[in-house]
Amino acid sequence: MNSAAQTTDLTINVNLYFLDLASLTVTAVAVMGVFSVYTYLAWFASETAHLEGVSITVIYFVFGVCAVASNLLSGWLIDRHPPRRIVGKSRDLPIARAAMTAGNGGRKTLG
């Protein structure tokens, strides 16, 4: 094998390694975000809405159902639309967030 082919193979392997590392990092951050919400959901509901007992259980149940539904919907959308289109929509999220903050008079929101 010539050195150009070896260099190309090495470049491809390094690129795939960093792509895998980036994917794992994004997944880890997303999972940490979900568990952060899950951890403080009961406290937030009890402090803000003064809910206790069965009401907290219902909130956790609805949270779980919505999580499963969003995973199913995300998988279906990713199978049917090209990844560049999905990334383009994700890129629009900060713009939407800024518009909501501006429409709120600049007041701090929960997110």
Protein backbone atom coordinates (compact mmCIF):
# COMPACT_ATOMS: atom_id res chain seq x y z
CA MET A 1 0.00 0.00 0.00
CA ASN A 2 1.38 3.41 -0.86
CA SER A 3 1.77 6.22 1.65
CA ALA A 4 -1.04 8.32 0.12
CA ALA A 5 -3.55 5.53 0.70
CA GLN A 6 -2.27 5.04 4.26
CA THR A 7 -2.59 8.78 4.96
CA THR A 8 -6.13 8.80 3.57
CA ASP A 9 -7.09 5.79 5.70
CA LEU A 10 -5.60 7.42 8.78
CA THR A 11 -7.43 10.68 8.05
CA ILE A 12 -10.74 8.85 7.65
CA ASN A 13 -10.21 6.91 10.88
CA VAL A 14 -9.31 10.08 12.82
CA ASN A 15 -12.33 11.92 11.40
CA LEU A 16 -14.64 9.04 12.34
CA TYR A 17 -13.12 8.94 15.82
CA PHE A 18 -13.83 12.64 16.41
CA LEU A 19 -17.31 12.29 14.92
CA ASP A 20 -18.04 9.43 17.32
CA LEU A 21 -16.60 11.43 20.20
CA ALA A 22 -18.75 14.43 19.30
CA SER A 23 -21.86 12.24 19.05
CA LEU A 24 -21.17 10.70 22.44
CA THR A 25 -20.58 14.12 23.98
CA VAL A 26 -23.86 15.50 22.65
CA THR A 27 -25.69 12.39 23.86
CA ALA A 28 -24.13 12.67 27.33
CA VAL A 29 -25.08 16.34 27.64
CA ALA A 30 -28.65 15.60 26.51
CA VAL A 31 -29.02 12.78 29.03
CA MET A 32 -27.64 14.99 31.80
CA GLY A 33 -30.17 17.64 30.85
CA VAL A 34 -33.07 15.20 31.03
CA PHE A 35 -31.97 13.88 34.41
CA SER A 36 -31.50 17.42 35.71
CA VAL A 37 -35.10 18.22 34.82
CA TYR A 38 -36.26 14.91 36.26
CA THR A 39 -34.39 15.54 39.52
CA TYR A 40 -35.86 18.98 40.22
CA LEU A 41 -39.33 18.46 38.76
CA ALA A 42 -40.92 17.42 42.08
CA TRP A 43 -39.28 20.27 43.97
CA PHE A 44 -40.30 22.80 41.32
CA ALA A 45 -43.92 21.58 41.25
CA SER A 46 -44.20 21.60 45.03
CA GLU A 47 -42.62 25.05 45.44
CA THR A 48 -44.40 26.85 42.61
CA ALA A 49 -47.77 25.12 42.34
CA HIS A 50 -47.87 23.68 45.89
CA LEU A 51 -48.50 20.17 44.56
CA GLU A 52 -47.84 17.06 46.61
CA GLY A 53 -48.37 13.31 46.57
CA VAL A 54 -50.39 11.92 43.69
CA SER A 55 -50.15 15.15 41.71
CA ILE A 56 -46.36 14.81 41.57
CA THR A 57 -46.77 11.21 40.41
CA VAL A 58 -49.08 12.34 37.61
CA ILE A 59 -46.55 15.00 36.57
CA TYR A 60 -43.79 12.37 36.39
CA PHE A 61 -46.07 10.05 34.41
CA VAL A 62 -46.91 12.81 31.90
CA PHE A 63 -43.21 13.70 31.69
CA GLY A 64 -42.37 10.06 30.86
CA VAL A 65 -45.14 9.73 28.28
CA CYS A 66 -44.01 12.95 26.59
CA ALA A 67 -40.39 11.74 26.60
CA VAL A 68 -41.34 8.47 24.89
CA ALA A 69 -43.58 10.27 22.38
CA SER A 70 -40.87 12.79 21.52
CA ASN A 71 -38.33 10.00 20.99
CA LEU A 72 -40.70 8.16 18.67
CA LEU A 73 -41.53 11.34 16.75
CA SER A 74 -37.84 12.30 16.49
CA GLY A 75 -36.93 8.87 15.15
CA TRP A 76 -39.73 9.00 12.60
CA LEU A 77 -38.70 12.50 11.45
CA ILE A 78 -35.02 11.61 11.18
CA ASP A 79 -35.85 8.55 9.08
CA ARG A 80 -37.91 10.61 6.63
CA HIS A 81 -35.97 13.86 6.34
CA PRO A 82 -32.33 14.47 5.42
CA PRO A 83 -30.00 15.28 8.33
CA ARG A 84 -29.11 18.70 6.89
CA ARG A 85 -32.75 19.71 7.11
CA ILE A 86 -32.92 18.63 10.75
CA VAL A 87 -29.72 20.52 11.58
CA GLY A 88 -31.15 23.58 9.83
CA LYS A 89 -34.24 23.45 12.04
CA SER A 90 -32.07 23.04 15.15
CA ARG A 91 -30.09 26.08 14.10
CA ASP A 92 -33.32 28.10 14.18
CA LEU A 93 -34.00 27.34 17.87
CA PRO A 94 -31.79 30.14 19.29
CA ILE A 95 -33.51 32.58 16.96
CA ALA A 96 -36.91 31.48 18.25
CA ARG A 97 -35.66 31.75 21.83
CA ALA A 98 -34.43 35.30 21.23
CA ALA A 99 -37.76 36.24 19.65
CA MET A 100 -39.66 34.87 22.65
CA THR A 101 -37.41 36.77 25.06
CA ALA A 102 -37.84 39.98 23.08
CA GLY A 103 -41.62 39.46 23.02
CA ASN A 104 -41.52 39.01 26.78
CA GLY A 105 -40.18 42.52 27.29
CA GLY A 106 -36.70 41.19 28.09
CA ARG A 107 -37.86 39.61 31.36
CA LYS A 108 -36.14 36.43 32.43
CA THR A 109 -38.07 33.26 31.53
CA LEU A 110 -37.90 29.84 33.16
CA GLY A 111 -35.56 28.32 30.54
